[in-house]
Amino acid sequence: MRYRPEHKTEIHQQIVKDASRRVRVEGLNGAAVSAVMRDAGLTHGGFYKHFESKDELLLESLRDGFGEIANTLSRVAEQAPPGEAWKAIVKTYLRPEMCEHPERGCPLPLLAPELARVDPGMKAPIVAELVKYKNRMQPFMPGRRTADKERAFFVIFSTMVGTIALARILPVPVRATVLAHARDFLLQSF
């Protein structure tokens, strides 16, 4: 059977999207080749028509996850009143939905400990993805100078990532309180 020329690209994107959602929920091992390929309606053997290795799939899935959350946060920041972009980011990131639906959120709350332990050959491309994420968010951060914005990025995002990671293990009523306290603290700190 003949496929349209764009068929392979569409299938590739579907595989990456599924793997991206899986790693944000289940961790780096959640993107098992057999499960991802099965969900795409393909066999395990077809994997190598799309990727050279599982590491390539993981990098693409991380790129997709960081891109998705960066798009969401950029959109709310761009719609915010002048000087309020970073606050819109904080309010969006520290919502209960980010705990309840990790497959649509930032990869870092779940994956940071795992990413710290990846094979040294994977570290450089992962760090490159983190730098792209930072560079995309940094212009929205409070501060006049680039160094101030970078400092604010690391403080704000480290706090948000840690808050989501902690909130996910707490009961829902306590989770909401933790998110609100962190959100209020950040909004009053800059």
N, C-alpha and C. Protein backbone atom coordinates (compact mmCIF):
# COMPACT_ATOMS: atom_id res chain seq x y z
N MET A 1 0.84 -1.16 0.00
CA MET A 1 0.00 0.00 0.00
C MET A 1 0.89 1.24 0.00
N ARG A 2 0.56 2.20 -0.82
CA ARG A 2 1.31 3.47 -0.90
C ARG A 2 0.75 4.47 0.11
N TYR A 3 1.67 5.17 0.74
CA TYR A 3 1.28 6.21 1.69
C TYR A 3 1.57 7.58 1.09
N ARG A 4 0.86 8.58 1.61
CA ARG A 4 1.13 9.96 1.20
C ARG A 4 2.56 10.31 1.61
N PRO A 5 3.19 11.23 0.90
CA PRO A 5 4.58 11.60 1.24
C PRO A 5 4.75 12.06 2.69
N GLU A 6 3.76 12.74 3.24
CA GLU A 6 3.89 13.26 4.60
C GLU A 6 3.53 12.23 5.68
N HIS A 7 3.13 11.04 5.27
CA HIS A 7 2.71 10.00 6.22
C HIS A 7 3.81 9.67 7.24
N LYS A 8 5.02 9.48 6.79
CA LYS A 8 6.11 9.12 7.70
C LYS A 8 6.35 10.23 8.72
N THR A 9 6.29 11.49 8.26
CA THR A 9 6.48 12.62 9.17
C THR A 9 5.36 12.68 10.20
N GLU A 10 4.15 12.45 9.79
CA GLU A 10 3.01 12.46 10.71
C GLU A 10 3.14 11.35 11.75
N ILE A 11 3.52 10.17 11.33
CA ILE A 11 3.70 9.05 12.25
C ILE A 11 4.84 9.36 13.22
N HIS A 12 5.92 9.91 12.71
CA HIS A 12 7.07 10.28 13.55
C HIS A 12 6.61 11.26 14.64
N GLN A 13 5.86 12.27 14.24
CA GLN A 13 5.38 13.27 15.21
C GLN A 13 4.44 12.64 16.23
N GLN A 14 3.61 11.71 15.78
CA GLN A 14 2.70 11.01 16.69
C GLN A 14 3.48 10.19 17.72
N ILE A 15 4.53 9.52 17.28
CA ILE A 15 5.37 8.73 18.18
C ILE A 15 6.03 9.65 19.21
N VAL A 16 6.60 10.76 18.75
CA VAL A 16 7.27 11.71 19.65
C VAL A 16 6.29 12.28 20.66
N LYS A 17 5.11 12.68 20.19
CA LYS A 17 4.09 13.26 21.08
C LYS A 17 3.68 12.25 22.16
N ASP A 18 3.46 11.01 21.76
CA ASP A 18 3.09 9.98 22.73
C ASP A 18 4.23 9.75 23.73
N ALA A 19 5.44 9.65 23.23
CA ALA A 19 6.59 9.44 24.12
C ALA A 19 6.76 10.63 25.07
N SER A 20 6.53 11.83 24.57
CA SER A 20 6.65 13.03 25.40
C SER A 20 5.65 13.00 26.55
N ARG A 21 4.44 12.65 26.24
CA ARG A 21 3.42 12.58 27.29
C ARG A 21 3.74 11.45 28.29
N ARG A 22 4.22 10.34 27.76
CA ARG A 22 4.55 9.20 28.64
C ARG A 22 5.70 9.54 29.59
N VAL A 23 6.76 10.18 29.11
CA VAL A 23 7.89 10.46 30.00
C VAL A 23 7.52 11.48 31.07
N ARG A 24 6.59 12.38 30.77
CA ARG A 24 6.17 13.36 31.77
C ARG A 24 5.29 12.75 32.85
N VAL A 25 4.74 11.58 32.57
CA VAL A 25 3.90 10.89 33.56
C VAL A 25 4.65 9.75 34.23
N GLU A 26 5.39 8.98 33.44
CA GLU A 26 5.99 7.74 33.94
C GLU A 26 7.50 7.79 34.12
N GLY A 27 8.14 8.87 33.71
CA GLY A 27 9.58 8.96 33.81
C GLY A 27 10.25 8.50 32.52
N LEU A 28 11.57 8.54 32.51
CA LEU A 28 12.32 8.22 31.29
C LEU A 28 12.04 6.81 30.79
N ASN A 29 11.76 5.89 31.69
CA ASN A 29 11.47 4.52 31.26
C ASN A 29 10.04 4.35 30.76
N GLY A 30 9.23 5.39 30.91
CA GLY A 30 7.84 5.32 30.46
C GLY A 30 7.69 5.28 28.96
N ALA A 31 8.71 5.73 28.27
CA ALA A 31 8.65 5.74 26.80
C ALA A 31 9.26 4.45 26.25
N ALA A 32 8.79 3.32 26.77
CA ALA A 32 9.28 2.04 26.26
C ALA A 32 8.93 1.93 24.79
N VAL A 33 9.89 1.52 24.00
CA VAL A 33 9.71 1.45 22.55
C VAL A 33 8.48 0.64 22.19
N SER A 34 8.29 -0.51 22.81
CA SER A 34 7.16 -1.36 22.45
C SER A 34 5.83 -0.67 22.73
N ALA A 35 5.71 0.02 23.87
CA ALA A 35 4.46 0.70 24.21
C ALA A 35 4.19 1.87 23.28
N VAL A 36 5.20 2.66 23.01
CA VAL A 36 5.04 3.82 22.14
C VAL A 36 4.66 3.38 20.73
N MET A 37 5.31 2.36 20.23
CA MET A 37 5.02 1.88 18.88
C MET A 37 3.64 1.24 18.82
N ARG A 38 3.28 0.50 19.85
CA ARG A 38 1.94 -0.11 19.90
C ARG A 38 0.87 0.98 19.85
N ASP A 39 1.06 2.05 20.62
CA ASP A 39 0.09 3.15 20.64
C ASP A 39 -0.02 3.83 19.28
N ALA A 40 1.06 3.81 18.53
CA ALA A 40 1.05 4.41 17.18
C ALA A 40 0.51 3.43 16.14
N GLY A 41 0.18 2.21 16.59
CA GLY A 41 -0.34 1.20 15.66
C GLY A 41 0.74 0.57 14.82
N LEU A 42 1.97 0.59 15.33
CA LEU A 42 3.11 0.05 14.60
C LEU A 42 3.79 -1.05 15.40
N THR A 43 4.66 -1.78 14.75
CA THR A 43 5.42 -2.83 15.43
C THR A 43 6.71 -2.26 15.99
N HIS A 44 7.25 -2.99 16.93
CA HIS A 44 8.53 -2.61 17.54
C HIS A 44 9.60 -2.44 16.45
N GLY A 45 9.58 -3.31 15.46
CA GLY A 45 10.58 -3.26 14.38
C GLY A 45 10.53 -1.98 13.56
N GLY A 46 9.35 -1.37 13.47
CA GLY A 46 9.22 -0.12 12.71
C GLY A 46 9.88 1.07 13.38
N PHE A 47 10.24 0.92 14.64
CA PHE A 47 10.87 2.00 15.40
C PHE A 47 12.10 2.55 14.68
N TYR A 48 12.91 1.66 14.15
CA TYR A 48 14.19 2.08 13.56
C TYR A 48 14.05 2.72 12.19
N LYS A 49 12.84 2.77 11.67
CA LYS A 49 12.58 3.56 10.46
C LYS A 49 12.42 5.03 10.82
N HIS A 50 12.21 5.29 12.11
CA HIS A 50 11.98 6.66 12.59
C HIS A 50 13.11 7.20 13.46
N PHE A 51 13.79 6.31 14.18
CA PHE A 51 14.81 6.75 15.15
C PHE A 51 16.01 5.82 15.08
N GLU A 52 17.19 6.39 15.32
CA GLU A 52 18.39 5.57 15.34
C GLU A 52 18.53 4.82 16.66
N SER A 53 17.95 5.40 17.73
CA SER A 53 18.08 4.78 19.05
C SER A 53 16.97 5.29 19.97
N LYS A 54 16.84 4.63 21.12
CA LYS A 54 15.87 5.09 22.11
C LYS A 54 16.29 6.46 22.65
N ASP A 55 17.59 6.71 22.75
CA ASP A 55 18.06 8.02 23.21
C ASP A 55 17.58 9.13 22.29
N GLU A 56 17.57 8.87 20.99
CA GLU A 56 17.07 9.88 20.05
C GLU A 56 15.59 10.16 20.30
N LEU A 57 14.82 9.11 20.54
CA LEU A 57 13.40 9.29 20.88
C LEU A 57 13.25 10.09 22.17
N LEU A 58 14.05 9.77 23.18
CA LEU A 58 13.96 10.49 24.45
C LEU A 58 14.28 11.97 24.27
N LEU A 59 15.32 12.27 23.51
CA LEU A 59 15.67 13.68 23.28
C LEU A 59 14.56 14.41 22.54
N GLU A 60 14.00 13.77 21.53
CA GLU A 60 12.91 14.41 20.80
C GLU A 60 11.68 14.57 21.69
N SER A 61 11.43 13.60 22.56
CA SER A 61 10.26 13.71 23.44
C SER A 61 10.47 14.82 24.48
N LEU A 62 11.69 14.98 24.97
CA LEU A 62 11.99 16.08 25.90
C LEU A 62 11.87 17.42 25.19
N ARG A 63 12.38 17.49 23.99
CA ARG A 63 12.27 18.71 23.19
C ARG A 63 10.79 19.09 23.01
N ASP A 64 9.97 18.09 22.72
CA ASP A 64 8.54 18.32 22.56
C ASP A 64 7.92 18.80 23.87
N GLY A 65 8.26 18.16 24.98
CA GLY A 65 7.71 18.55 26.27
C GLY A 65 8.10 19.96 26.67
N PHE A 66 9.38 20.30 26.52
CA PHE A 66 9.81 21.66 26.84
C PHE A 66 9.18 22.67 25.89
N GLY A 67 9.06 22.30 24.63
CA GLY A 67 8.43 23.19 23.65
C GLY A 67 6.97 23.43 23.97
N GLU A 68 6.27 22.38 24.37
CA GLU A 68 4.84 22.52 24.68
C GLU A 68 4.62 23.45 25.87
N ILE A 69 5.37 23.24 26.96
CA ILE A 69 5.17 24.10 28.13
C ILE A 69 5.67 25.52 27.84
N ALA A 70 6.75 25.65 27.09
CA ALA A 70 7.25 26.99 26.74
C ALA A 70 6.22 27.73 25.89
N ASN A 71 5.55 27.04 24.98
CA ASN A 71 4.51 27.67 24.17
C ASN A 71 3.35 28.14 25.04
N THR A 72 2.93 27.30 25.97
CA THR A 72 1.84 27.66 26.87
C THR A 72 2.20 28.88 27.70
N LEU A 73 3.39 28.86 28.30
CA LEU A 73 3.82 29.96 29.16
C LEU A 73 4.07 31.24 28.37
N SER A 74 4.63 31.11 27.18
CA SER A 74 4.87 32.29 26.32
C SER A 74 3.55 32.94 25.93
N ARG A 75 2.58 32.11 25.60
CA ARG A 75 1.27 32.63 25.18
C ARG A 75 0.64 33.46 26.30
N VAL A 76 0.64 32.95 27.55
CA VAL A 76 0.03 33.72 28.63
C VAL A 76 0.86 34.96 28.95
N ALA A 77 2.18 34.86 28.83
CA ALA A 77 3.04 36.01 29.10
C ALA A 77 2.82 37.12 28.07
N GLU A 78 2.68 36.73 26.82
CA GLU A 78 2.47 37.72 25.75
C GLU A 78 1.11 38.40 25.85
N GLN A 79 0.16 37.74 26.46
CA GLN A 79 -1.18 38.32 26.62
C GLN A 79 -1.32 39.16 27.89
N ALA A 80 -0.33 39.09 28.74
CA ALA A 80 -0.38 39.80 30.03
C ALA A 80 -0.11 41.29 29.81
N PRO A 81 -0.60 42.12 30.73
CA PRO A 81 -0.29 43.55 30.65
C PRO A 81 1.22 43.78 30.78
N PRO A 82 1.72 44.91 30.31
CA PRO A 82 3.16 45.19 30.41
C PRO A 82 3.66 45.06 31.86
N GLY A 83 4.79 44.38 32.01
CA GLY A 83 5.39 44.18 33.32
C GLY A 83 4.78 43.04 34.12
N GLU A 84 3.76 42.41 33.60
CA GLU A 84 3.06 41.34 34.33
C GLU A 84 3.30 39.96 33.73
N ALA A 85 4.13 39.87 32.71
CA ALA A 85 4.33 38.59 32.01
C ALA A 85 4.81 37.49 32.95
N TRP A 86 5.80 37.80 33.77
CA TRP A 86 6.33 36.77 34.67
C TRP A 86 5.28 36.32 35.68
N LYS A 87 4.41 37.23 36.08
CA LYS A 87 3.34 36.87 37.02
C LYS A 87 2.34 35.93 36.35
N ALA A 88 2.06 36.17 35.10
CA ALA A 88 1.15 35.28 34.36
C ALA A 88 1.77 33.88 34.24
N ILE A 89 3.09 33.83 34.06
CA ILE A 89 3.78 32.54 34.00
C ILE A 89 3.65 31.81 35.34
N VAL A 90 3.90 32.50 36.42
CA VAL A 90 3.81 31.90 37.76
C VAL A 90 2.40 31.39 38.01
N LYS A 91 1.40 32.20 37.71
CA LYS A 91 0.01 31.80 37.95
C LYS A 91 -0.39 30.59 37.09
N THR A 92 0.13 30.52 35.89
CA THR A 92 -0.18 29.40 35.00
C THR A 92 0.54 28.13 35.44
N TYR A 93 1.80 28.26 35.78
CA TYR A 93 2.60 27.09 36.16
C TYR A 93 2.12 26.49 37.48
N LEU A 94 1.82 27.33 38.44
CA LEU A 94 1.46 26.84 39.78
C LEU A 94 -0.06 26.67 39.94
N ARG A 95 -0.65 25.98 38.99
CA ARG A 95 -2.08 25.64 39.05
C ARG A 95 -2.23 24.17 39.39
N PRO A 96 -3.35 23.80 39.98
CA PRO A 96 -3.58 22.38 40.28
C PRO A 96 -3.50 21.50 39.02
N GLU A 97 -3.87 22.02 37.87
CA GLU A 97 -3.83 21.23 36.63
C GLU A 97 -2.43 20.73 36.31
N MET A 98 -1.41 21.47 36.71
CA MET A 98 -0.04 21.04 36.45
C MET A 98 0.32 19.81 37.29
N CYS A 99 -0.35 19.66 38.41
CA CYS A 99 -0.16 18.45 39.23
C CYS A 99 -1.01 17.31 38.70
N GLU A 100 -2.22 17.62 38.35
CA GLU A 100 -3.18 16.59 37.95
C GLU A 100 -2.96 16.06 36.54
N HIS A 101 -2.33 16.85 35.69
CA HIS A 101 -2.10 16.45 34.29
C HIS A 101 -0.64 16.67 33.90
N PRO A 102 0.27 15.89 34.48
CA PRO A 102 1.68 16.08 34.17
C PRO A 102 2.00 15.88 32.69
N GLU A 103 1.19 15.13 31.98
CA GLU A 103 1.44 14.89 30.55
C GLU A 103 1.35 16.16 29.73
N ARG A 104 0.76 17.22 30.28
CA ARG A 104 0.67 18.50 29.57
C ARG A 104 1.55 19.57 30.20
N GLY A 105 2.27 19.21 31.24
CA GLY A 105 3.05 20.20 31.97
C GLY A 105 4.53 20.16 31.66
N CYS A 106 5.26 20.84 32.50
CA CYS A 106 6.72 20.92 32.39
C CYS A 106 7.33 19.56 32.73
N PRO A 107 8.30 19.11 31.94
CA PRO A 107 8.95 17.83 32.23
C PRO A 107 9.78 17.83 33.52
N LEU A 108 10.23 18.98 33.97
CA LEU A 108 11.19 19.03 35.06
C LEU A 108 10.71 18.52 36.42
N PRO A 109 9.48 18.80 36.87
CA PRO A 109 9.11 18.31 38.20
C PRO A 109 9.24 16.79 38.37
N LEU A 110 8.95 16.05 37.35
CA LEU A 110 9.08 14.59 37.43
C LEU A 110 10.48 14.12 37.04
N LEU A 111 11.04 14.74 36.02
CA LEU A 111 12.24 14.19 35.40
C LEU A 111 13.57 14.73 35.91
N ALA A 112 13.59 15.83 36.64
CA ALA A 112 14.87 16.43 37.04
C ALA A 112 15.81 15.42 37.71
N PRO A 113 15.35 14.64 38.69
CA PRO A 113 16.28 13.68 39.30
C PRO A 113 16.79 12.64 38.30
N GLU A 114 15.93 12.19 37.41
CA GLU A 114 16.36 11.20 36.41
C GLU A 114 17.32 11.83 35.40
N LEU A 115 17.03 13.06 34.99
CA LEU A 115 17.90 13.72 34.00
C LEU A 115 19.29 13.96 34.58
N ALA A 116 19.37 14.16 35.88
CA ALA A 116 20.68 14.36 36.52
C ALA A 116 21.53 13.09 36.46
N ARG A 117 20.89 11.93 36.29
CA ARG A 117 21.61 10.66 36.30
C ARG A 117 21.74 10.02 34.92
N VAL A 118 21.39 10.71 33.86
CA VAL A 118 21.47 10.08 32.54
C VAL A 118 22.91 9.84 32.13
N ASP A 119 23.05 9.01 31.15
CA ASP A 119 24.35 8.71 30.57
C ASP A 119 25.05 10.01 30.19
N PRO A 120 26.35 10.14 30.44
CA PRO A 120 27.07 11.37 30.10
C PRO A 120 26.90 11.82 28.64
N GLY A 121 26.74 10.88 27.74
CA GLY A 121 26.53 11.24 26.33
C GLY A 121 25.21 11.94 26.08
N MET A 122 24.25 11.74 26.96
CA MET A 122 22.93 12.38 26.83
C MET A 122 22.90 13.74 27.53
N LYS A 123 23.82 13.98 28.44
CA LYS A 123 23.78 15.21 29.24
C LYS A 123 23.83 16.48 28.38
N ALA A 124 24.78 16.55 27.46
CA ALA A 124 24.95 17.77 26.67
C ALA A 124 23.69 18.12 25.88
N PRO A 125 23.07 17.19 25.15
CA PRO A 125 21.86 17.57 24.44
C PRO A 125 20.69 17.91 25.37
N ILE A 126 20.62 17.29 26.53
CA ILE A 126 19.56 17.63 27.49
C ILE A 126 19.80 19.03 28.03
N VAL A 127 21.02 19.34 28.38
CA VAL A 127 21.34 20.69 28.86
C VAL A 127 21.03 21.72 27.78
N ALA A 128 21.30 21.38 26.52
CA ALA A 128 20.98 22.30 25.42
C ALA A 128 19.47 22.59 25.38
N GLU A 129 18.65 21.57 25.63
CA GLU A 129 17.19 21.77 25.66
C GLU A 129 16.80 22.65 26.84
N LEU A 130 17.44 22.45 27.98
CA LEU A 130 17.17 23.29 29.15
C LEU A 130 17.56 24.74 28.89
N VAL A 131 18.66 24.94 28.21
CA VAL A 131 19.11 26.30 27.88
C VAL A 131 18.11 26.97 26.94
N LYS A 132 17.60 26.21 25.96
CA LYS A 132 16.58 26.78 25.06
C LYS A 132 15.33 27.19 25.84
N TYR A 133 14.93 26.36 26.77
CA TYR A 133 13.77 26.65 27.62
C TYR A 133 14.02 27.92 28.42
N LYS A 134 15.18 28.00 29.07
CA LYS A 134 15.53 29.20 29.84
C LYS A 134 15.55 30.44 28.95
N ASN A 135 16.17 30.32 27.79
CA ASN A 135 16.27 31.47 26.89
C ASN A 135 14.90 31.94 26.40
N ARG A 136 13.98 31.03 26.28
CA ARG A 136 12.64 31.40 25.84
C ARG A 136 11.88 32.09 26.97
N MET A 137 12.08 31.68 28.21
CA MET A 137 11.36 32.25 29.35
C MET A 137 12.01 33.50 29.92
N GLN A 138 13.32 33.59 29.82
CA GLN A 138 14.07 34.67 30.47
C GLN A 138 13.60 36.07 30.09
N PRO A 139 13.27 36.37 28.83
CA PRO A 139 12.83 37.73 28.51
C PRO A 139 11.58 38.17 29.27
N PHE A 140 10.79 37.25 29.75
CA PHE A 140 9.56 37.58 30.48
C PHE A 140 9.82 37.82 31.96
N MET A 141 11.00 37.49 32.43
CA MET A 141 11.30 37.56 33.86
C MET A 141 11.48 39.01 34.32
N PRO A 142 11.26 39.25 35.63
CA PRO A 142 11.45 40.60 36.16
C PRO A 142 12.94 40.95 36.19
N GLY A 143 13.21 42.22 36.07
CA GLY A 143 14.59 42.71 36.13
C GLY A 143 14.89 43.58 34.93
N ARG A 144 15.86 44.45 35.10
CA ARG A 144 16.25 45.36 34.00
C ARG A 144 17.36 44.78 33.15
N ARG A 145 18.36 44.25 33.81
CA ARG A 145 19.52 43.72 33.09
C ARG A 145 19.33 42.24 32.81
N THR A 146 20.06 41.74 31.82
CA THR A 146 20.00 40.33 31.47
C THR A 146 20.37 39.46 32.67
N ALA A 147 21.38 39.88 33.41
CA ALA A 147 21.80 39.09 34.59
C ALA A 147 20.69 39.03 35.63
N ASP A 148 19.95 40.13 35.81
CA ASP A 148 18.84 40.15 36.76
C ASP A 148 17.73 39.20 36.31
N LYS A 149 17.43 39.22 35.02
CA LYS A 149 16.39 38.34 34.46
C LYS A 149 16.80 36.87 34.58
N GLU A 150 18.08 36.60 34.36
CA GLU A 150 18.56 35.23 34.47
C GLU A 150 18.46 34.75 35.93
N ARG A 151 18.86 35.59 36.86
CA ARG A 151 18.77 35.25 38.28
C ARG A 151 17.31 35.00 38.65
N ALA A 152 16.42 35.88 38.20
CA ALA A 152 15.00 35.72 38.49
C ALA A 152 14.47 34.42 37.89
N PHE A 153 14.89 34.10 36.67
CA PHE A 153 14.45 32.85 36.04
C PHE A 153 14.80 31.67 36.93
N PHE A 154 16.06 31.59 37.36
CA PHE A 154 16.48 30.43 38.15
C PHE A 154 15.76 30.36 39.49
N VAL A 155 15.54 31.48 40.13
CA VAL A 155 14.83 31.47 41.41
C VAL A 155 13.37 31.08 41.20
N ILE A 156 12.72 31.73 40.25
CA ILE A 156 11.30 31.48 40.00
C ILE A 156 11.06 30.05 39.53
N PHE A 157 11.81 29.61 38.53
CA PHE A 157 11.56 28.28 37.98
C PHE A 157 11.99 27.18 38.94
N SER A 158 13.06 27.37 39.68
CA SER A 158 13.45 26.36 40.67
C SER A 158 12.36 26.22 41.73
N THR A 159 11.81 27.33 42.16
CA THR A 159 10.74 27.29 43.15
C THR A 159 9.50 26.60 42.56
N MET A 160 9.14 26.94 41.34
CA MET A 160 7.94 26.35 40.74
C MET A 160 8.12 24.85 40.49
N VAL A 161 9.28 24.45 39.97
CA VAL A 161 9.54 23.02 39.71
C VAL A 161 9.47 22.23 41.02
N GLY A 162 10.13 22.73 42.05
CA GLY A 162 10.11 22.05 43.35
C GLY A 162 8.72 22.02 43.96
N THR A 163 7.98 23.08 43.80
CA THR A 163 6.62 23.14 44.34
C THR A 163 5.73 22.11 43.68
N ILE A 164 5.79 22.02 42.35
CA ILE A 164 4.96 21.03 41.64
C ILE A 164 5.39 19.62 42.03
N ALA A 165 6.69 19.37 42.11
CA ALA A 165 7.17 18.03 42.48
C ALA A 165 6.65 17.63 43.86
N LEU A 166 6.71 18.54 44.81
CA LEU A 166 6.23 18.26 46.16
C LEU A 166 4.70 18.16 46.20
N ALA A 167 4.03 19.08 45.55
CA ALA A 167 2.57 19.11 45.58
C ALA A 167 1.95 17.84 45.00
N ARG A 168 2.60 17.24 44.03
CA ARG A 168 2.06 16.03 43.41
C ARG A 168 1.96 14.85 44.37
N ILE A 169 2.76 14.86 45.40
CA ILE A 169 2.70 13.72 46.34
C ILE A 169 1.77 13.98 47.51
N LEU A 170 1.23 15.18 47.60
CA LEU A 170 0.38 15.56 48.73
C LEU A 170 -1.10 15.33 48.42
N PRO A 171 -1.93 15.17 49.46
CA PRO A 171 -3.38 15.08 49.24
C PRO A 171 -3.88 16.38 48.60
N VAL A 172 -4.95 16.27 47.84
CA VAL A 172 -5.46 17.41 47.06
C VAL A 172 -5.68 18.68 47.90
N PRO A 173 -6.34 18.63 49.05
CA PRO A 173 -6.53 19.89 49.80
C PRO A 173 -5.21 20.55 50.20
N VAL A 174 -4.24 19.74 50.61
CA VAL A 174 -2.93 20.27 51.00
C VAL A 174 -2.20 20.77 49.76
N ARG A 175 -2.31 20.05 48.67
CA ARG A 175 -1.69 20.42 47.40
C ARG A 175 -2.09 21.85 47.01
N ALA A 176 -3.38 22.13 47.07
CA ALA A 176 -3.86 23.46 46.69
C ALA A 176 -3.25 24.55 47.58
N THR A 177 -3.10 24.24 48.86
CA THR A 177 -2.51 25.21 49.79
C THR A 177 -1.04 25.45 49.46
N VAL A 178 -0.30 24.38 49.20
CA VAL A 178 1.12 24.51 48.87
C VAL A 178 1.29 25.33 47.59
N LEU A 179 0.49 25.04 46.57
CA LEU A 179 0.56 25.80 45.32
C LEU A 179 0.26 27.28 45.56
N ALA A 180 -0.78 27.56 46.34
CA ALA A 180 -1.16 28.95 46.62
C ALA A 180 -0.07 29.69 47.39
N HIS A 181 0.51 29.03 48.38
CA HIS A 181 1.56 29.68 49.17
C HIS A 181 2.78 30.00 48.30
N ALA A 182 3.20 29.04 47.48
CA ALA A 182 4.36 29.28 46.62
C ALA A 182 4.06 30.38 45.61
N ARG A 183 2.86 30.34 45.04
CA ARG A 183 2.46 31.37 44.07
C ARG A 183 2.48 32.75 44.72
N ASP A 184 1.86 32.87 45.90
CA ASP A 184 1.82 34.16 46.60
C ASP A 184 3.22 34.63 46.96
N PHE A 185 4.04 33.72 47.44
CA PHE A 185 5.41 34.08 47.81
C PHE A 185 6.18 34.65 46.60
N LEU A 186 6.11 33.96 45.49
CA LEU A 186 6.82 34.44 44.30
C LEU A 186 6.28 35.78 43.83
N LEU A 187 4.97 35.93 43.80
CA LEU A 187 4.37 37.17 43.30
C LEU A 187 4.71 38.37 44.17
N GLN A 188 4.98 38.12 45.45
CA GLN A 188 5.34 39.21 46.36
C GLN A 188 6.84 39.43 46.49
N SER A 189 7.64 38.58 45.87
CA SER A 189 9.09 38.62 46.10
C SER A 189 9.87 39.44 45.07
N PHE A 190 9.26 39.82 43.97
CA PHE A 190 10.01 40.54 42.94
C PHE A 190 9.36 41.87 42.64
